[in-house]
Amino acid sequence: MEKREIRILVEEYAGIEALNENDRNLLSEARKISEQAYAPYSGFHVGAAVELSNGKQISGSNQENMAYPSGLCAERVALFYAGSSYPEAGIKTLAISAINQEGERPDVAAPCGACRQVMLESEMRAGTPMRVILDGNPIRILNGISSLLPFSFKKEYL
């Protein structure tokens, strides 16, 4: 048996004011749209803001449904909207923010497994790594989905 260690590189920022202007604006949009989430069952409000390679910005919030799992996460709402509206544009950056049932931002707004897989496919379609901003304390920035999904399921495995 051989053991291997997998490492990821992550940038950490003490607060939103430490981000560059573009990242600050994108994360601010994710925070704002999280307040518009439809989350009457979980009380967990998530917002996602996407910056496209063509300069457009798309946002989305989670949309729950009492018939689980009929709802959709904020990341997939934003990514699917971006893909259907601007199929030729790649995703440059995705910012994710959340508010829990107590109205507070959790330590990290990490995407679920299904969203990670959709993020991977969006990244593969574009052919370039997608930056991911995870709101929290601290704010974390990852360069590429492989940092979130190191053993990803890719098209070439089919």
N, C-alpha and C. Protein backbone atom coordinates (compact mmCIF):
# COMPACT_ATOMS: atom_id res chain seq x y z
N MET A 1 0.84 -1.18 0.00
CA MET A 1 0.00 0.00 0.00
C MET A 1 0.89 1.24 0.00
N GLU A 2 0.40 2.23 -0.70
CA GLU A 2 1.07 3.51 -0.76
C GLU A 2 0.09 4.60 -0.34
N LYS A 3 0.54 5.52 0.47
CA LYS A 3 -0.29 6.64 0.86
C LYS A 3 0.19 7.88 0.15
N ARG A 4 -0.76 8.69 -0.31
CA ARG A 4 -0.44 9.95 -0.97
C ARG A 4 -1.26 11.06 -0.34
N GLU A 5 -0.70 12.21 -0.34
CA GLU A 5 -1.39 13.38 0.20
C GLU A 5 -1.81 14.26 -0.96
N ILE A 6 -3.04 14.74 -0.90
CA ILE A 6 -3.56 15.67 -1.90
C ILE A 6 -3.59 17.04 -1.27
N ARG A 7 -3.01 18.01 -1.95
CA ARG A 7 -2.99 19.38 -1.43
C ARG A 7 -3.69 20.31 -2.41
N ILE A 8 -4.32 21.29 -1.85
CA ILE A 8 -4.93 22.34 -2.68
C ILE A 8 -4.37 23.68 -2.23
N LEU A 9 -4.34 24.59 -3.15
CA LEU A 9 -3.94 25.95 -2.81
C LEU A 9 -5.19 26.80 -2.69
N VAL A 10 -5.26 27.54 -1.63
CA VAL A 10 -6.41 28.42 -1.39
C VAL A 10 -5.89 29.75 -0.88
N GLU A 11 -6.44 30.82 -1.43
CA GLU A 11 -6.13 32.15 -0.92
C GLU A 11 -7.17 32.48 0.14
N GLU A 12 -6.74 33.06 1.25
CA GLU A 12 -7.67 33.44 2.30
C GLU A 12 -7.59 34.94 2.56
N TYR A 13 -8.76 35.56 2.71
CA TYR A 13 -8.87 36.99 2.93
C TYR A 13 -9.70 37.23 4.19
N ALA A 14 -9.25 38.16 5.02
CA ALA A 14 -9.90 38.42 6.31
C ALA A 14 -11.30 38.98 6.17
N GLY A 15 -11.59 39.67 5.09
CA GLY A 15 -12.92 40.23 4.89
C GLY A 15 -13.09 40.71 3.46
N ILE A 16 -14.30 41.09 3.13
CA ILE A 16 -14.60 41.49 1.76
C ILE A 16 -13.79 42.72 1.33
N GLU A 17 -13.45 43.59 2.27
CA GLU A 17 -12.68 44.78 1.93
C GLU A 17 -11.26 44.44 1.49
N ALA A 18 -10.77 43.25 1.78
CA ALA A 18 -9.43 42.83 1.38
C ALA A 18 -9.37 42.33 -0.07
N LEU A 19 -10.53 42.08 -0.67
CA LEU A 19 -10.59 41.60 -2.05
C LEU A 19 -10.34 42.73 -3.04
N ASN A 20 -9.93 42.36 -4.26
CA ASN A 20 -9.83 43.39 -5.29
C ASN A 20 -11.25 43.84 -5.66
N GLU A 21 -11.36 44.95 -6.35
CA GLU A 21 -12.66 45.55 -6.62
C GLU A 21 -13.60 44.61 -7.37
N ASN A 22 -13.09 43.91 -8.37
CA ASN A 22 -13.93 43.01 -9.16
C ASN A 22 -14.48 41.87 -8.30
N ASP A 23 -13.61 41.24 -7.50
CA ASP A 23 -14.05 40.15 -6.63
C ASP A 23 -15.00 40.65 -5.55
N ARG A 24 -14.73 41.83 -5.03
CA ARG A 24 -15.60 42.44 -4.01
C ARG A 24 -17.00 42.68 -4.58
N ASN A 25 -17.07 43.19 -5.82
CA ASN A 25 -18.37 43.43 -6.45
C ASN A 25 -19.12 42.13 -6.70
N LEU A 26 -18.41 41.10 -7.15
CA LEU A 26 -19.05 39.81 -7.43
C LEU A 26 -19.57 39.18 -6.14
N LEU A 27 -18.77 39.20 -5.09
CA LEU A 27 -19.21 38.63 -3.81
C LEU A 27 -20.35 39.45 -3.21
N SER A 28 -20.31 40.76 -3.38
CA SER A 28 -21.41 41.61 -2.90
C SER A 28 -22.72 41.22 -3.59
N GLU A 29 -22.65 40.94 -4.90
CA GLU A 29 -23.84 40.51 -5.63
C GLU A 29 -24.33 39.16 -5.11
N ALA A 30 -23.42 38.23 -4.84
CA ALA A 30 -23.82 36.92 -4.29
C ALA A 30 -24.49 37.10 -2.93
N ARG A 31 -23.97 37.98 -2.12
CA ARG A 31 -24.59 38.25 -0.82
C ARG A 31 -25.98 38.84 -0.99
N LYS A 32 -26.09 39.79 -1.90
CA LYS A 32 -27.39 40.46 -2.13
C LYS A 32 -28.44 39.46 -2.64
N ILE A 33 -28.06 38.66 -3.61
CA ILE A 33 -29.02 37.72 -4.20
C ILE A 33 -29.39 36.60 -3.22
N SER A 34 -28.50 36.29 -2.26
CA SER A 34 -28.83 35.27 -1.26
C SER A 34 -30.05 35.68 -0.43
N GLU A 35 -30.25 36.96 -0.27
CA GLU A 35 -31.39 37.46 0.48
C GLU A 35 -32.71 37.25 -0.27
N GLN A 36 -32.63 36.97 -1.57
CA GLN A 36 -33.82 36.75 -2.38
C GLN A 36 -34.12 35.26 -2.59
N ALA A 37 -33.36 34.40 -1.93
CA ALA A 37 -33.58 32.95 -2.07
C ALA A 37 -34.98 32.57 -1.59
N TYR A 38 -35.50 31.52 -2.19
CA TYR A 38 -36.76 30.95 -1.74
C TYR A 38 -36.40 29.69 -0.95
N ALA A 39 -36.33 29.83 0.37
CA ALA A 39 -35.87 28.74 1.23
C ALA A 39 -36.75 28.59 2.46
N PRO A 40 -38.07 28.38 2.26
CA PRO A 40 -38.97 28.30 3.41
C PRO A 40 -38.82 27.02 4.23
N TYR A 41 -38.18 26.01 3.70
CA TYR A 41 -38.08 24.72 4.39
C TYR A 41 -36.77 24.59 5.15
N SER A 42 -35.65 24.93 4.53
CA SER A 42 -34.36 24.80 5.20
C SER A 42 -33.98 26.08 5.94
N GLY A 43 -34.48 27.22 5.47
CA GLY A 43 -34.06 28.48 6.05
C GLY A 43 -32.63 28.85 5.69
N PHE A 44 -32.02 28.11 4.76
CA PHE A 44 -30.64 28.33 4.35
C PHE A 44 -30.65 29.03 3.00
N HIS A 45 -30.33 30.30 3.00
CA HIS A 45 -30.40 31.14 1.81
C HIS A 45 -29.03 31.24 1.16
N VAL A 46 -28.94 30.86 -0.11
CA VAL A 46 -27.66 30.86 -0.83
C VAL A 46 -27.79 31.71 -2.08
N GLY A 47 -26.73 32.46 -2.35
CA GLY A 47 -26.65 33.26 -3.56
C GLY A 47 -25.37 32.95 -4.30
N ALA A 48 -25.44 32.98 -5.62
CA ALA A 48 -24.26 32.76 -6.45
C ALA A 48 -24.22 33.83 -7.53
N ALA A 49 -23.03 34.37 -7.76
CA ALA A 49 -22.84 35.35 -8.82
C ALA A 49 -21.70 34.87 -9.70
N VAL A 50 -21.92 34.94 -11.01
CA VAL A 50 -20.99 34.43 -12.00
C VAL A 50 -20.49 35.57 -12.87
N GLU A 51 -19.18 35.61 -13.08
CA GLU A 51 -18.59 36.53 -14.06
C GLU A 51 -18.21 35.70 -15.28
N LEU A 52 -18.73 36.09 -16.44
CA LEU A 52 -18.47 35.37 -17.68
C LEU A 52 -17.28 35.97 -18.42
N SER A 53 -16.73 35.19 -19.32
CA SER A 53 -15.58 35.65 -20.10
C SER A 53 -15.94 36.82 -21.02
N ASN A 54 -17.23 37.01 -21.30
CA ASN A 54 -17.65 38.14 -22.15
C ASN A 54 -17.94 39.40 -21.32
N GLY A 55 -17.66 39.34 -20.01
CA GLY A 55 -17.86 40.49 -19.14
C GLY A 55 -19.23 40.55 -18.49
N LYS A 56 -20.17 39.73 -18.93
CA LYS A 56 -21.52 39.72 -18.33
C LYS A 56 -21.45 39.12 -16.93
N GLN A 57 -22.42 39.50 -16.11
CA GLN A 57 -22.54 38.97 -14.76
C GLN A 57 -23.95 38.37 -14.61
N ILE A 58 -24.01 37.17 -14.09
CA ILE A 58 -25.26 36.45 -13.88
C ILE A 58 -25.33 36.09 -12.39
N SER A 59 -26.52 36.11 -11.82
CA SER A 59 -26.66 35.68 -10.43
C SER A 59 -27.88 34.80 -10.28
N GLY A 60 -27.90 34.05 -9.20
CA GLY A 60 -29.03 33.17 -8.91
C GLY A 60 -29.06 32.84 -7.43
N SER A 61 -30.23 32.46 -6.94
CA SER A 61 -30.39 32.05 -5.55
C SER A 61 -31.04 30.68 -5.50
N ASN A 62 -30.89 30.02 -4.37
CA ASN A 62 -31.50 28.70 -4.26
C ASN A 62 -33.02 28.81 -4.26
N GLN A 63 -33.66 27.81 -4.84
CA GLN A 63 -35.11 27.77 -5.00
C GLN A 63 -35.59 26.41 -4.50
N GLU A 64 -36.16 26.39 -3.31
CA GLU A 64 -36.60 25.13 -2.71
C GLU A 64 -38.01 24.77 -3.17
N ASN A 65 -38.35 23.52 -2.92
CA ASN A 65 -39.68 23.01 -3.23
C ASN A 65 -40.00 21.97 -2.19
N MET A 66 -41.24 21.93 -1.74
CA MET A 66 -41.58 20.96 -0.69
C MET A 66 -41.44 19.52 -1.17
N ALA A 67 -41.45 19.30 -2.46
CA ALA A 67 -41.22 17.97 -3.01
C ALA A 67 -39.72 17.81 -3.28
N TYR A 68 -38.97 17.59 -2.18
CA TYR A 68 -37.51 17.39 -2.35
C TYR A 68 -37.29 16.23 -3.31
N PRO A 69 -36.36 16.22 -4.18
CA PRO A 69 -35.32 17.21 -4.43
C PRO A 69 -35.64 18.10 -5.62
N SER A 70 -36.86 18.53 -5.74
CA SER A 70 -37.28 19.32 -6.90
C SER A 70 -36.70 20.73 -6.93
N GLY A 71 -36.16 21.21 -5.83
CA GLY A 71 -35.57 22.54 -5.80
C GLY A 71 -34.22 22.55 -6.51
N LEU A 72 -33.60 23.70 -6.51
CA LEU A 72 -32.31 23.83 -7.18
C LEU A 72 -31.42 24.79 -6.39
N CYS A 73 -30.15 24.42 -6.29
CA CYS A 73 -29.17 25.23 -5.57
C CYS A 73 -28.84 26.50 -6.36
N ALA A 74 -28.38 27.53 -5.65
CA ALA A 74 -28.05 28.81 -6.26
C ALA A 74 -26.97 28.68 -7.33
N GLU A 75 -25.97 27.85 -7.07
CA GLU A 75 -24.88 27.70 -8.03
C GLU A 75 -25.39 27.16 -9.36
N ARG A 76 -26.26 26.16 -9.30
CA ARG A 76 -26.79 25.58 -10.53
C ARG A 76 -27.76 26.53 -11.21
N VAL A 77 -28.55 27.29 -10.46
CA VAL A 77 -29.44 28.28 -11.06
C VAL A 77 -28.60 29.26 -11.88
N ALA A 78 -27.54 29.80 -11.29
CA ALA A 78 -26.69 30.79 -11.97
C ALA A 78 -25.94 30.17 -13.15
N LEU A 79 -25.37 28.99 -12.96
CA LEU A 79 -24.57 28.36 -14.02
C LEU A 79 -25.44 27.92 -15.20
N PHE A 80 -26.61 27.36 -14.92
CA PHE A 80 -27.49 26.93 -16.02
C PHE A 80 -28.03 28.15 -16.78
N TYR A 81 -28.35 29.22 -16.05
CA TYR A 81 -28.81 30.43 -16.71
C TYR A 81 -27.70 31.00 -17.60
N ALA A 82 -26.48 31.03 -17.09
CA ALA A 82 -25.34 31.53 -17.86
C ALA A 82 -25.13 30.67 -19.11
N GLY A 83 -25.19 29.35 -18.94
CA GLY A 83 -24.97 28.44 -20.06
C GLY A 83 -26.05 28.53 -21.13
N SER A 84 -27.29 28.77 -20.71
CA SER A 84 -28.37 28.86 -21.70
C SER A 84 -28.44 30.23 -22.35
N SER A 85 -28.06 31.27 -21.63
CA SER A 85 -28.13 32.62 -22.18
C SER A 85 -26.88 33.01 -22.98
N TYR A 86 -25.73 32.50 -22.55
CA TYR A 86 -24.45 32.84 -23.19
C TYR A 86 -23.62 31.57 -23.39
N PRO A 87 -24.06 30.66 -24.25
CA PRO A 87 -23.38 29.37 -24.39
C PRO A 87 -21.94 29.48 -24.88
N GLU A 88 -21.60 30.58 -25.55
CA GLU A 88 -20.24 30.74 -26.07
C GLU A 88 -19.28 31.29 -25.02
N ALA A 89 -19.79 31.78 -23.92
CA ALA A 89 -18.95 32.41 -22.89
C ALA A 89 -18.57 31.42 -21.81
N GLY A 90 -17.33 31.46 -21.40
CA GLY A 90 -16.88 30.63 -20.29
C GLY A 90 -17.12 31.33 -18.97
N ILE A 91 -17.02 30.56 -17.90
CA ILE A 91 -17.17 31.11 -16.55
C ILE A 91 -15.78 31.49 -16.06
N LYS A 92 -15.59 32.76 -15.75
CA LYS A 92 -14.31 33.20 -15.19
C LYS A 92 -14.28 32.98 -13.68
N THR A 93 -15.32 33.47 -12.99
CA THR A 93 -15.35 33.42 -11.53
C THR A 93 -16.77 33.16 -11.06
N LEU A 94 -16.88 32.36 -10.02
CA LEU A 94 -18.16 32.08 -9.37
C LEU A 94 -18.01 32.43 -7.90
N ALA A 95 -18.85 33.32 -7.40
CA ALA A 95 -18.85 33.69 -5.98
C ALA A 95 -20.09 33.09 -5.32
N ILE A 96 -19.91 32.52 -4.13
CA ILE A 96 -21.00 31.86 -3.41
C ILE A 96 -21.09 32.45 -2.00
N SER A 97 -22.30 32.78 -1.58
CA SER A 97 -22.53 33.31 -0.24
C SER A 97 -23.79 32.67 0.33
N ALA A 98 -23.86 32.59 1.65
CA ALA A 98 -25.03 31.96 2.29
C ALA A 98 -25.38 32.67 3.59
N ILE A 99 -26.64 32.52 3.97
CA ILE A 99 -27.15 33.01 5.25
C ILE A 99 -27.88 31.83 5.89
N ASN A 100 -27.51 31.48 7.12
CA ASN A 100 -28.16 30.34 7.78
C ASN A 100 -29.48 30.75 8.45
N GLN A 101 -30.10 29.81 9.13
CA GLN A 101 -31.42 30.06 9.75
C GLN A 101 -31.39 31.16 10.79
N GLU A 102 -30.23 31.39 11.39
CA GLU A 102 -30.10 32.44 12.40
C GLU A 102 -29.81 33.81 11.77
N GLY A 103 -29.75 33.86 10.42
CA GLY A 103 -29.48 35.10 9.73
C GLY A 103 -28.01 35.47 9.69
N GLU A 104 -27.15 34.50 9.96
CA GLU A 104 -25.70 34.73 9.98
C GLU A 104 -25.04 34.04 8.79
N ARG A 105 -23.89 34.53 8.39
CA ARG A 105 -23.10 33.88 7.34
C ARG A 105 -22.29 32.77 7.99
N PRO A 106 -22.37 31.54 7.44
CA PRO A 106 -21.57 30.45 8.01
C PRO A 106 -20.08 30.66 7.74
N ASP A 107 -19.23 29.88 8.41
CA ASP A 107 -17.78 30.01 8.25
C ASP A 107 -17.32 29.78 6.82
N VAL A 108 -18.07 28.95 6.08
CA VAL A 108 -17.74 28.76 4.67
C VAL A 108 -19.02 28.43 3.91
N ALA A 109 -19.16 29.01 2.74
CA ALA A 109 -20.30 28.72 1.86
C ALA A 109 -19.82 27.74 0.80
N ALA A 110 -19.71 26.49 1.17
CA ALA A 110 -19.19 25.45 0.27
C ALA A 110 -20.33 24.82 -0.53
N PRO A 111 -20.13 24.61 -1.83
CA PRO A 111 -21.18 24.01 -2.66
C PRO A 111 -21.36 22.52 -2.39
N CYS A 112 -22.56 22.03 -2.64
CA CYS A 112 -22.84 20.61 -2.47
C CYS A 112 -22.16 19.80 -3.59
N GLY A 113 -22.20 18.50 -3.49
CA GLY A 113 -21.57 17.63 -4.48
C GLY A 113 -22.16 17.78 -5.87
N ALA A 114 -23.48 17.88 -5.97
CA ALA A 114 -24.11 18.03 -7.29
C ALA A 114 -23.66 19.33 -7.94
N CYS A 115 -23.58 20.40 -7.17
CA CYS A 115 -23.13 21.68 -7.72
C CYS A 115 -21.67 21.61 -8.14
N ARG A 116 -20.86 20.90 -7.37
CA ARG A 116 -19.44 20.75 -7.74
C ARG A 116 -19.31 20.06 -9.09
N GLN A 117 -20.14 19.05 -9.33
CA GLN A 117 -20.08 18.35 -10.62
C GLN A 117 -20.52 19.27 -11.76
N VAL A 118 -21.56 20.07 -11.54
CA VAL A 118 -22.01 21.02 -12.57
C VAL A 118 -20.93 22.08 -12.79
N MET A 119 -20.29 22.53 -11.72
CA MET A 119 -19.21 23.50 -11.85
C MET A 119 -18.07 22.92 -12.68
N LEU A 120 -17.74 21.64 -12.45
CA LEU A 120 -16.69 20.98 -13.22
C LEU A 120 -17.03 20.96 -14.71
N GLU A 121 -18.26 20.59 -15.03
CA GLU A 121 -18.65 20.53 -16.44
C GLU A 121 -18.65 21.92 -17.07
N SER A 122 -19.07 22.94 -16.33
CA SER A 122 -19.02 24.31 -16.84
C SER A 122 -17.57 24.71 -17.12
N GLU A 123 -16.68 24.32 -16.24
CA GLU A 123 -15.26 24.60 -16.42
C GLU A 123 -14.70 23.85 -17.64
N MET A 124 -15.09 22.61 -17.79
CA MET A 124 -14.62 21.81 -18.93
C MET A 124 -15.12 22.39 -20.25
N ARG A 125 -16.37 22.86 -20.29
CA ARG A 125 -16.92 23.48 -21.51
C ARG A 125 -16.10 24.69 -21.92
N ALA A 126 -15.67 25.46 -20.93
CA ALA A 126 -14.91 26.68 -21.20
C ALA A 126 -13.45 26.39 -21.54
N GLY A 127 -12.93 25.29 -21.01
CA GLY A 127 -11.55 24.93 -21.26
C GLY A 127 -10.53 25.71 -20.44
N THR A 128 -11.01 26.45 -19.44
CA THR A 128 -10.11 27.19 -18.55
C THR A 128 -10.59 27.04 -17.11
N PRO A 129 -9.67 27.11 -16.16
CA PRO A 129 -10.07 26.98 -14.75
C PRO A 129 -11.03 28.09 -14.34
N MET A 130 -11.98 27.73 -13.52
CA MET A 130 -12.95 28.67 -12.96
C MET A 130 -12.48 29.07 -11.56
N ARG A 131 -12.35 30.35 -11.32
CA ARG A 131 -12.05 30.80 -9.96
C ARG A 131 -13.33 30.68 -9.14
N VAL A 132 -13.19 30.29 -7.88
CA VAL A 132 -14.34 30.13 -6.99
C VAL A 132 -14.07 30.92 -5.72
N ILE A 133 -15.00 31.82 -5.41
CA ILE A 133 -14.92 32.61 -4.18
C ILE A 133 -15.95 32.05 -3.21
N LEU A 134 -15.48 31.56 -2.07
CA LEU A 134 -16.36 31.01 -1.04
C LEU A 134 -16.44 32.01 0.11
N ASP A 135 -17.60 32.59 0.30
CA ASP A 135 -17.80 33.56 1.36
C ASP A 135 -17.69 32.87 2.71
N GLY A 136 -17.22 33.57 3.67
CA GLY A 136 -17.13 33.02 5.02
C GLY A 136 -16.11 33.77 5.84
N ASN A 137 -15.63 33.10 6.85
CA ASN A 137 -14.64 33.69 7.73
C ASN A 137 -13.48 32.73 7.92
N PRO A 138 -12.44 32.84 7.12
CA PRO A 138 -12.13 33.86 6.13
C PRO A 138 -12.81 33.58 4.79
N ILE A 139 -12.74 34.55 3.89
CA ILE A 139 -13.18 34.36 2.50
C ILE A 139 -12.08 33.57 1.81
N ARG A 140 -12.48 32.53 1.06
CA ARG A 140 -11.50 31.68 0.39
C ARG A 140 -11.67 31.78 -1.12
N ILE A 141 -10.54 31.81 -1.83
CA ILE A 141 -10.58 31.81 -3.29
C ILE A 141 -9.76 30.63 -3.80
N LEU A 142 -10.40 29.83 -4.65
CA LEU A 142 -9.76 28.66 -5.26
C LEU A 142 -9.62 28.90 -6.75
N ASN A 143 -8.57 28.39 -7.34
CA ASN A 143 -8.36 28.53 -8.77
C ASN A 143 -8.58 27.18 -9.44
N GLY A 144 -9.81 26.92 -9.81
CA GLY A 144 -10.14 25.68 -10.48
C GLY A 144 -10.96 24.74 -9.62
N ILE A 145 -11.83 23.99 -10.27
CA ILE A 145 -12.74 23.09 -9.57
C ILE A 145 -12.02 21.88 -8.99
N SER A 146 -10.86 21.53 -9.52
CA SER A 146 -10.13 20.38 -8.98
C SER A 146 -9.81 20.58 -7.50
N SER A 147 -9.76 21.82 -7.04
CA SER A 147 -9.53 22.08 -5.61
C SER A 147 -10.75 21.71 -4.77
N LEU A 148 -11.94 21.75 -5.37
CA LEU A 148 -13.17 21.37 -4.67
C LEU A 148 -13.53 19.90 -4.91
N LEU A 149 -13.08 19.37 -6.02
CA LEU A 149 -13.49 18.04 -6.45
C LEU A 149 -12.27 17.30 -7.04
N PRO A 150 -11.32 16.90 -6.17
CA PRO A 150 -10.08 16.34 -6.69
C PRO A 150 -10.23 15.04 -7.47
N PHE A 151 -11.17 14.21 -7.14
CA PHE A 151 -11.41 12.97 -7.89
C PHE A 151 -12.71 13.12 -8.66
N SER A 152 -12.68 13.99 -9.63
CA SER A 152 -13.89 14.32 -10.36
C SER A 152 -14.24 13.29 -11.42
N PHE A 153 -15.52 13.23 -11.74
CA PHE A 153 -16.03 12.35 -12.79
C PHE A 153 -16.04 13.14 -14.08
N LYS A 154 -15.19 12.73 -15.03
CA LYS A 154 -15.01 13.49 -16.27
C LYS A 154 -15.52 12.71 -17.47
N LYS A 155 -15.76 13.46 -18.54
CA LYS A 155 -16.31 12.92 -19.78
C LYS A 155 -15.48 11.74 -20.30
N GLU A 156 -14.16 11.82 -20.19
CA GLU A 156 -13.32 10.75 -20.72
C GLU A 156 -13.46 9.43 -19.97
N TYR A 157 -14.13 9.43 -18.82
CA TYR A 157 -14.36 8.19 -18.07
C TYR A 157 -15.57 7.41 -18.59
N LEU A 158 -16.39 8.05 -19.42
CA LEU A 158 -17.60 7.39 -19.93
C LEU A 158 -17.26 6.32 -20.95
